[in-house]
Amino acid sequence: MAWSNETYLIGEKVKVEGEKGFGVVSRIDVPRGLVYVIFKRMREEAYPYPEAFESGKLKSEVTRNK
């Protein structure tokens, strides 16, 4: 995957609606439209990208500087 505007989220903490604690964005699969979030005990979940961020299901702890 080439470095692009989406890669600033990789490694950042996110709050997931309906989950206790935080997760960390492990990878973004743009062609498939998925973002993968890893939680404690190495559990990984996939969410639709970018719909999960737009709808508020995932809330990033970082604000992007333009």
PDB file of N, CA and C in Angstrom:
ATOM      1  N   MET A   1       0.849  -1.173   0.000  1.00  0.00           N
ATOM      2  CA  MET A   1       0.000   0.000   0.000  1.00  0.00           C
ATOM      3  C   MET A   1       0.899   1.243   0.000  1.00  0.00           C
ATOM      4  N   ALA A   2       0.613   2.147  -0.864  1.00  0.00           N
ATOM      5  CA  ALA A   2       1.383   3.382  -0.944  1.00  0.00           C
ATOM      6  C   ALA A   2       0.947   4.341   0.167  1.00  0.00           C
ATOM      7  N   TRP A   3       1.895   5.178   0.605  1.00  0.00           N
ATOM      8  CA  TRP A   3       1.562   6.183   1.609  1.00  0.00           C
ATOM      9  C   TRP A   3       0.645   7.215   0.980  1.00  0.00           C
ATOM     10  N   SER A   4      -0.432   7.491   1.655  1.00  0.00           N
ATOM     11  CA  SER A   4      -1.402   8.458   1.146  1.00  0.00           C
ATOM     12  C   SER A   4      -2.061   9.168   2.316  1.00  0.00           C
ATOM     13  N   ASN A   5      -3.110   9.875   2.045  1.00  0.00           N
ATOM     14  CA  ASN A   5      -3.789  10.646   3.082  1.00  0.00           C
ATOM     15  C   ASN A   5      -4.424   9.769   4.158  1.00  0.00           C
ATOM     16  N   GLU A   6      -4.744   8.506   3.845  1.00  0.00           N
ATOM     17  CA  GLU A   6      -5.387   7.624   4.819  1.00  0.00           C
ATOM     18  C   GLU A   6      -4.420   7.102   5.869  1.00  0.00           C
ATOM     19  N   THR A   7      -3.124   7.063   5.570  1.00  0.00           N
ATOM     20  CA  THR A   7      -2.183   6.389   6.453  1.00  0.00           C
ATOM     21  C   THR A   7      -1.921   7.125   7.763  1.00  0.00           C
ATOM     22  N   TYR A   8      -2.353   8.354   7.913  1.00  0.00           N
ATOM     23  CA  TYR A   8      -2.134   9.055   9.182  1.00  0.00           C
ATOM     24  C   TYR A   8      -2.922   8.405  10.313  1.00  0.00           C
ATOM     25  N   LEU A   9      -3.939   7.605  10.013  1.00  0.00           N
ATOM     26  CA  LEU A   9      -4.744   6.947  11.041  1.00  0.00           C
ATOM     27  C   LEU A   9      -4.095   5.676  11.582  1.00  0.00           C
ATOM     28  N   ILE A  10      -3.199   5.062  10.821  1.00  0.00           N
ATOM     29  CA  ILE A  10      -2.600   3.789  11.231  1.00  0.00           C
ATOM     30  C   ILE A  10      -1.769   4.009  12.492  1.00  0.00           C
ATOM     31  N   GLY A  11      -2.048   3.187  13.504  1.00  0.00           N
ATOM     32  CA  GLY A  11      -1.340   3.287  14.778  1.00  0.00           C
ATOM     33  C   GLY A  11      -1.992   4.227  15.771  1.00  0.00           C
ATOM     34  N   GLU A  12      -3.084   4.861  15.396  1.00  0.00           N
ATOM     35  CA  GLU A  12      -3.765   5.805  16.290  1.00  0.00           C
ATOM     36  C   GLU A  12      -4.867   5.106  17.077  1.00  0.00           C
ATOM     37  N   LYS A  13      -5.099   5.598  18.304  1.00  0.00           N
ATOM     38  CA  LYS A  13      -6.160   5.059  19.141  1.00  0.00           C
ATOM     39  C   LYS A  13      -7.513   5.549  18.641  1.00  0.00           C
ATOM     40  N   VAL A  14      -8.493   4.644  18.675  1.00  0.00           N
ATOM     41  CA  VAL A  14      -9.864   4.993  18.309  1.00  0.00           C
ATOM     42  C   VAL A  14     -10.813   4.445  19.359  1.00  0.00           C
ATOM     43  N   LYS A  15     -11.898   5.151  19.572  1.00  0.00           N
ATOM     44  CA  LYS A  15     -12.973   4.704  20.447  1.00  0.00           C
ATOM     45  C   LYS A  15     -14.039   4.097  19.549  1.00  0.00           C
ATOM     46  N   VAL A  16     -14.442   2.878  19.866  1.00  0.00           N
ATOM     47  CA  VAL A  16     -15.424   2.163  19.064  1.00  0.00           C
ATOM     48  C   VAL A  16     -16.738   2.133  19.831  1.00  0.00           C
ATOM     49  N   GLU A  17     -17.813   2.508  19.151  1.00  0.00           N
ATOM     50  CA  GLU A  17     -19.142   2.520  19.751  1.00  0.00           C
ATOM     51  C   GLU A  17     -19.520   1.101  20.182  1.00  0.00           C
ATOM     52  N   GLY A  18     -19.922   0.947  21.429  1.00  0.00           N
ATOM     53  CA  GLY A  18     -20.352  -0.346  21.942  1.00  0.00           C
ATOM     54  C   GLY A  18     -19.223  -1.211  22.495  1.00  0.00           C
ATOM     55  N   GLU A  19     -17.998  -0.710  22.524  1.00  0.00           N
ATOM     56  CA  GLU A  19     -16.854  -1.453  23.050  1.00  0.00           C
ATOM     57  C   GLU A  19     -16.306  -0.750  24.287  1.00  0.00           C
ATOM     58  N   LYS A  20     -15.810  -1.539  25.229  1.00  0.00           N
ATOM     59  CA  LYS A  20     -15.127  -0.965  26.385  1.00  0.00           C
ATOM     60  C   LYS A  20     -13.693  -0.674  25.984  1.00  0.00           C
ATOM     61  N   GLY A  21     -13.168   0.419  26.421  1.00  0.00           N
ATOM     62  CA  GLY A  21     -11.781   0.748  26.152  1.00  0.00           C
ATOM     63  C   GLY A  21     -11.554   1.232  24.727  1.00  0.00           C
ATOM     64  N   PHE A  22     -10.289   1.279  24.364  1.00  0.00           N
ATOM     65  CA  PHE A  22      -9.892   1.792  23.064  1.00  0.00           C
ATOM     66  C   PHE A  22      -9.340   0.676  22.205  1.00  0.00           C
ATOM     67  N   GLY A  23      -9.290   0.937  20.912  1.00  0.00           N
ATOM     68  CA  GLY A  23      -8.639   0.054  19.962  1.00  0.00           C
ATOM     69  C   GLY A  23      -7.607   0.859  19.200  1.00  0.00           C
ATOM     70  N   VAL A  24      -6.793   0.164  18.416  1.00  0.00           N
ATOM     71  CA  VAL A  24      -5.761   0.809  17.618  1.00  0.00           C
ATOM     72  C   VAL A  24      -5.963   0.399  16.163  1.00  0.00           C
ATOM     73  N   VAL A  25      -5.933   1.378  15.260  1.00  0.00           N
ATOM     74  CA  VAL A  25      -6.067   1.091  13.838  1.00  0.00           C
ATOM     75  C   VAL A  25      -4.800   0.368  13.393  1.00  0.00           C
ATOM     76  N   SER A  26      -4.964  -0.863  12.895  1.00  0.00           N
ATOM     77  CA  SER A  26      -3.796  -1.639  12.493  1.00  0.00           C
ATOM     78  C   SER A  26      -3.526  -1.524  10.995  1.00  0.00           C
ATOM     79  N   ARG A  27      -4.568  -1.436  10.178  1.00  0.00           N
ATOM     80  CA  ARG A  27      -4.378  -1.300   8.730  1.00  0.00           C
ATOM     81  C   ARG A  27      -5.660  -0.786   8.095  1.00  0.00           C
ATOM     82  N   ILE A  28      -5.492  -0.241   6.899  1.00  0.00           N
ATOM     83  CA  ILE A  28      -6.622   0.254   6.119  1.00  0.00           C
ATOM     84  C   ILE A  28      -6.528  -0.377   4.747  1.00  0.00           C
ATOM     85  N   ASP A  29      -7.585  -1.083   4.347  1.00  0.00           N
ATOM     86  CA  ASP A  29      -7.648  -1.717   3.032  1.00  0.00           C
ATOM     87  C   ASP A  29      -8.600  -0.889   2.175  1.00  0.00           C
ATOM     88  N   VAL A  30      -8.046   0.074   1.448  1.00  0.00           N
ATOM     89  CA  VAL A  30      -8.861   1.008   0.668  1.00  0.00           C
ATOM     90  C   VAL A  30      -9.623   0.317  -0.464  1.00  0.00           C
ATOM     91  N   PRO A  31      -8.991  -0.591  -1.240  1.00  0.00           N
ATOM     92  CA  PRO A  31      -9.752  -1.231  -2.329  1.00  0.00           C
ATOM     93  C   PRO A  31     -10.981  -2.007  -1.850  1.00  0.00           C
ATOM     94  N   ARG A  32     -10.881  -2.649  -0.699  1.00  0.00           N
ATOM     95  CA  ARG A  32     -12.027  -3.388  -0.145  1.00  0.00           C
ATOM     96  C   ARG A  32     -12.935  -2.511   0.698  1.00  0.00           C
ATOM     97  N   GLY A  33     -12.455  -1.341   1.085  1.00  0.00           N
ATOM     98  CA  GLY A  33     -13.251  -0.428   1.893  1.00  0.00           C
ATOM     99  C   GLY A  33     -13.360  -0.858   3.337  1.00  0.00           C
ATOM    100  N   LEU A  34     -12.247  -1.325   3.926  1.00  0.00           N
ATOM    101  CA  LEU A  34     -12.253  -1.788   5.316  1.00  0.00           C
ATOM    102  C   LEU A  34     -11.139  -1.132   6.106  1.00  0.00           C
ATOM    103  N   VAL A  35     -11.428  -0.893   7.380  1.00  0.00           N
ATOM    104  CA  VAL A  35     -10.414  -0.446   8.332  1.00  0.00           C
ATOM    105  C   VAL A  35     -10.402  -1.492   9.448  1.00  0.00           C
ATOM    106  N   TYR A  36      -9.202  -1.926   9.843  1.00  0.00           N
ATOM    107  CA  TYR A  36      -9.052  -2.965  10.847  1.00  0.00           C
ATOM    108  C   TYR A  36      -8.596  -2.340  12.160  1.00  0.00           C
ATOM    109  N   VAL A  37      -9.303  -2.694  13.226  1.00  0.00           N
ATOM    110  CA  VAL A  37      -9.003  -2.178  14.565  1.00  0.00           C
ATOM    111  C   VAL A  37      -8.649  -3.362  15.444  1.00  0.00           C
ATOM    112  N   ILE A  38      -7.521  -3.251  16.145  1.00  0.00           N
ATOM    113  CA  ILE A  38      -7.079  -4.322  17.032  1.00  0.00           C
ATOM    114  C   ILE A  38      -7.317  -3.881  18.479  1.00  0.00           C
ATOM    115  N   PHE A  39      -7.839  -4.820  19.274  1.00  0.00           N
ATOM    116  CA  PHE A  39      -8.163  -4.569  20.671  1.00  0.00           C
ATOM    117  C   PHE A  39      -7.225  -5.379  21.566  1.00  0.00           C
ATOM    118  N   LYS A  40      -7.422  -5.246  22.865  1.00  0.00           N
ATOM    119  CA  LYS A  40      -6.643  -6.042  23.809  1.00  0.00           C
ATOM    120  C   LYS A  40      -6.824  -7.526  23.488  1.00  0.00           C
ATOM    121  N   ARG A  41      -5.859  -8.284  23.871  1.00  0.00           N
ATOM    122  CA  ARG A  41      -5.833  -9.734  23.648  1.00  0.00           C
ATOM    123  C   ARG A  41      -5.815 -10.080  22.164  1.00  0.00           C
ATOM    124  N   MET A  42      -5.309  -9.142  21.357  1.00  0.00           N
ATOM    125  CA  MET A  42      -5.064  -9.344  19.930  1.00  0.00           C
ATOM    126  C   MET A  42      -6.325  -9.697  19.127  1.00  0.00           C
ATOM    127  N   ARG A  43      -7.466  -9.185  19.548  1.00  0.00           N
ATOM    128  CA  ARG A  43      -8.705  -9.372  18.794  1.00  0.00           C
ATOM    129  C   ARG A  43      -8.790  -8.270  17.749  1.00  0.00           C
ATOM    130  N   GLU A  44      -9.007  -8.650  16.490  1.00  0.00           N
ATOM    131  CA  GLU A  44      -9.063  -7.679  15.406  1.00  0.00           C
ATOM    132  C   GLU A  44     -10.444  -7.696  14.767  1.00  0.00           C
ATOM    133  N   GLU A  45     -10.999  -6.520  14.546  1.00  0.00           N
ATOM    134  CA  GLU A  45     -12.314  -6.369  13.933  1.00  0.00           C
ATOM    135  C   GLU A  45     -12.187  -5.491  12.692  1.00  0.00           C
ATOM    136  N   ALA A  46     -13.011  -5.766  11.701  1.00  0.00           N
ATOM    137  CA  ALA A  46     -13.030  -4.967  10.473  1.00  0.00           C
ATOM    138  C   ALA A  46     -14.291  -4.110  10.456  1.00  0.00           C
ATOM    139  N   TYR A  47     -14.144  -2.877  10.017  1.00  0.00           N
ATOM    140  CA  TYR A  47     -15.261  -1.937   9.918  1.00  0.00           C
ATOM    141  C   TYR A  47     -15.227  -1.301   8.539  1.00  0.00           C
ATOM    142  N   PRO A  48     -16.391  -0.899   8.015  1.00  0.00           N
ATOM    143  CA  PRO A  48     -16.407  -0.255   6.688  1.00  0.00           C
ATOM    144  C   PRO A  48     -15.698   1.091   6.718  1.00  0.00           C
ATOM    145  N   TYR A  49     -14.900   1.321   5.687  1.00  0.00           N
ATOM    146  CA  TYR A  49     -14.134   2.568   5.602  1.00  0.00           C
ATOM    147  C   TYR A  49     -14.592   3.342   4.396  1.00  0.00           C
ATOM    148  N   PRO A  50     -14.875   4.589   4.471  1.00  0.00           N
ATOM    149  CA  PRO A  50     -14.809   5.551   5.582  1.00  0.00           C
ATOM    150  C   PRO A  50     -16.135   5.717   6.317  1.00  0.00           C
ATOM    151  N   GLU A  51     -17.131   4.883   6.019  1.00  0.00           N
ATOM    152  CA  GLU A  51     -18.458   5.038   6.621  1.00  0.00           C
ATOM    153  C   GLU A  51     -18.431   4.954   8.142  1.00  0.00           C
ATOM    154  N   ALA A  52     -17.560   4.134   8.696  1.00  0.00           N
ATOM    155  CA  ALA A  52     -17.499   3.977  10.151  1.00  0.00           C
ATOM    156  C   ALA A  52     -17.069   5.276  10.834  1.00  0.00           C
ATOM    157  N   PHE A  53     -16.171   6.031  10.221  1.00  0.00           N
ATOM    158  CA  PHE A  53     -15.751   7.311  10.789  1.00  0.00           C
ATOM    159  C   PHE A  53     -16.809   8.385  10.575  1.00  0.00           C
ATOM    160  N   GLU A  54     -17.436   8.378   9.411  1.00  0.00           N
ATOM    161  CA  GLU A  54     -18.449   9.395   9.097  1.00  0.00           C
ATOM    162  C   GLU A  54     -19.704   9.241   9.948  1.00  0.00           C
ATOM    163  N   SER A  55     -20.094   7.996  10.245  1.00  0.00           N
ATOM    164  CA  SER A  55     -21.304   7.760  11.031  1.00  0.00           C
ATOM    165  C   SER A  55     -21.072   7.877  12.535  1.00  0.00           C
ATOM    166  N   GLY A  56     -19.815   7.911  12.964  1.00  0.00           N
ATOM    167  CA  GLY A  56     -19.524   8.032  14.383  1.00  0.00           C
ATOM    168  C   GLY A  56     -19.294   6.715  15.081  1.00  0.00           C
ATOM    169  N   LYS A  57     -19.335   5.600  14.355  1.00  0.00           N
ATOM    170  CA  LYS A  57     -19.064   4.290  14.956  1.00  0.00           C
ATOM    171  C   LYS A  57     -17.627   4.230  15.479  1.00  0.00           C
ATOM    172  N   LEU A  58     -16.695   4.821  14.736  1.00  0.00           N
ATOM    173  CA  LEU A  58     -15.301   4.946  15.167  1.00  0.00           C
ATOM    174  C   LEU A  58     -14.996   6.419  15.381  1.00  0.00           C
ATOM    175  N   LYS A  59     -14.391   6.721  16.512  1.00  0.00           N
ATOM    176  CA  LYS A  59     -14.012   8.099  16.808  1.00  0.00           C
ATOM    177  C   LYS A  59     -12.520   8.137  17.055  1.00  0.00           C
ATOM    178  N   SER A  60     -11.816   8.861  16.221  1.00  0.00           N
ATOM    179  CA  SER A  60     -10.369   8.942  16.300  1.00  0.00           C
ATOM    180  C   SER A  60      -9.943   9.867  17.427  1.00  0.00           C
ATOM    181  N   GLU A  61      -8.848   9.532  18.070  1.00  0.00           N
ATOM    182  CA  GLU A  61      -8.299  10.372  19.133  1.00  0.00           C
ATOM    183  C   GLU A  61      -7.418  11.484  18.566  1.00  0.00           C
ATOM    184  N   VAL A  62      -7.101  11.428  17.296  1.00  0.00           N
ATOM    185  CA  VAL A  62      -6.219  12.410  16.672  1.00  0.00           C
ATOM    186  C   VAL A  62      -7.064  13.313  15.763  1.00  0.00           C
ATOM    187  N   THR A  63      -6.717  14.572  15.731  1.00  0.00           N
ATOM    188  CA  THR A  63      -7.350  15.477  14.786  1.00  0.00           C
ATOM    189  C   THR A  63      -6.318  15.819  13.742  1.00  0.00           C
ATOM    190  N   ARG A  64      -6.659  15.659  12.503  1.00  0.00           N
ATOM    191  CA  ARG A  64      -5.705  15.854  11.415  1.00  0.00           C
ATOM    192  C   ARG A  64      -5.444  17.339  11.192  1.00  0.00           C
ATOM    193  N   ASN A  65      -4.182  17.691  11.102  1.00  0.00           N
ATOM    194  CA  ASN A  65      -3.788  19.056  10.783  1.00  0.00           C
ATOM    195  C   ASN A  65      -3.653  19.191   9.280  1.00  0.00           C
ATOM    196  N   LYS A  66      -4.333  20.175   8.709  1.00  0.00           N
ATOM    197  CA  LYS A  66      -4.258  20.362   7.254  1.00  0.00           C
ATOM    198  C   LYS A  66      -3.308  21.454   6.913  1.00  0.00           C
TER     199      LYS A  66
END
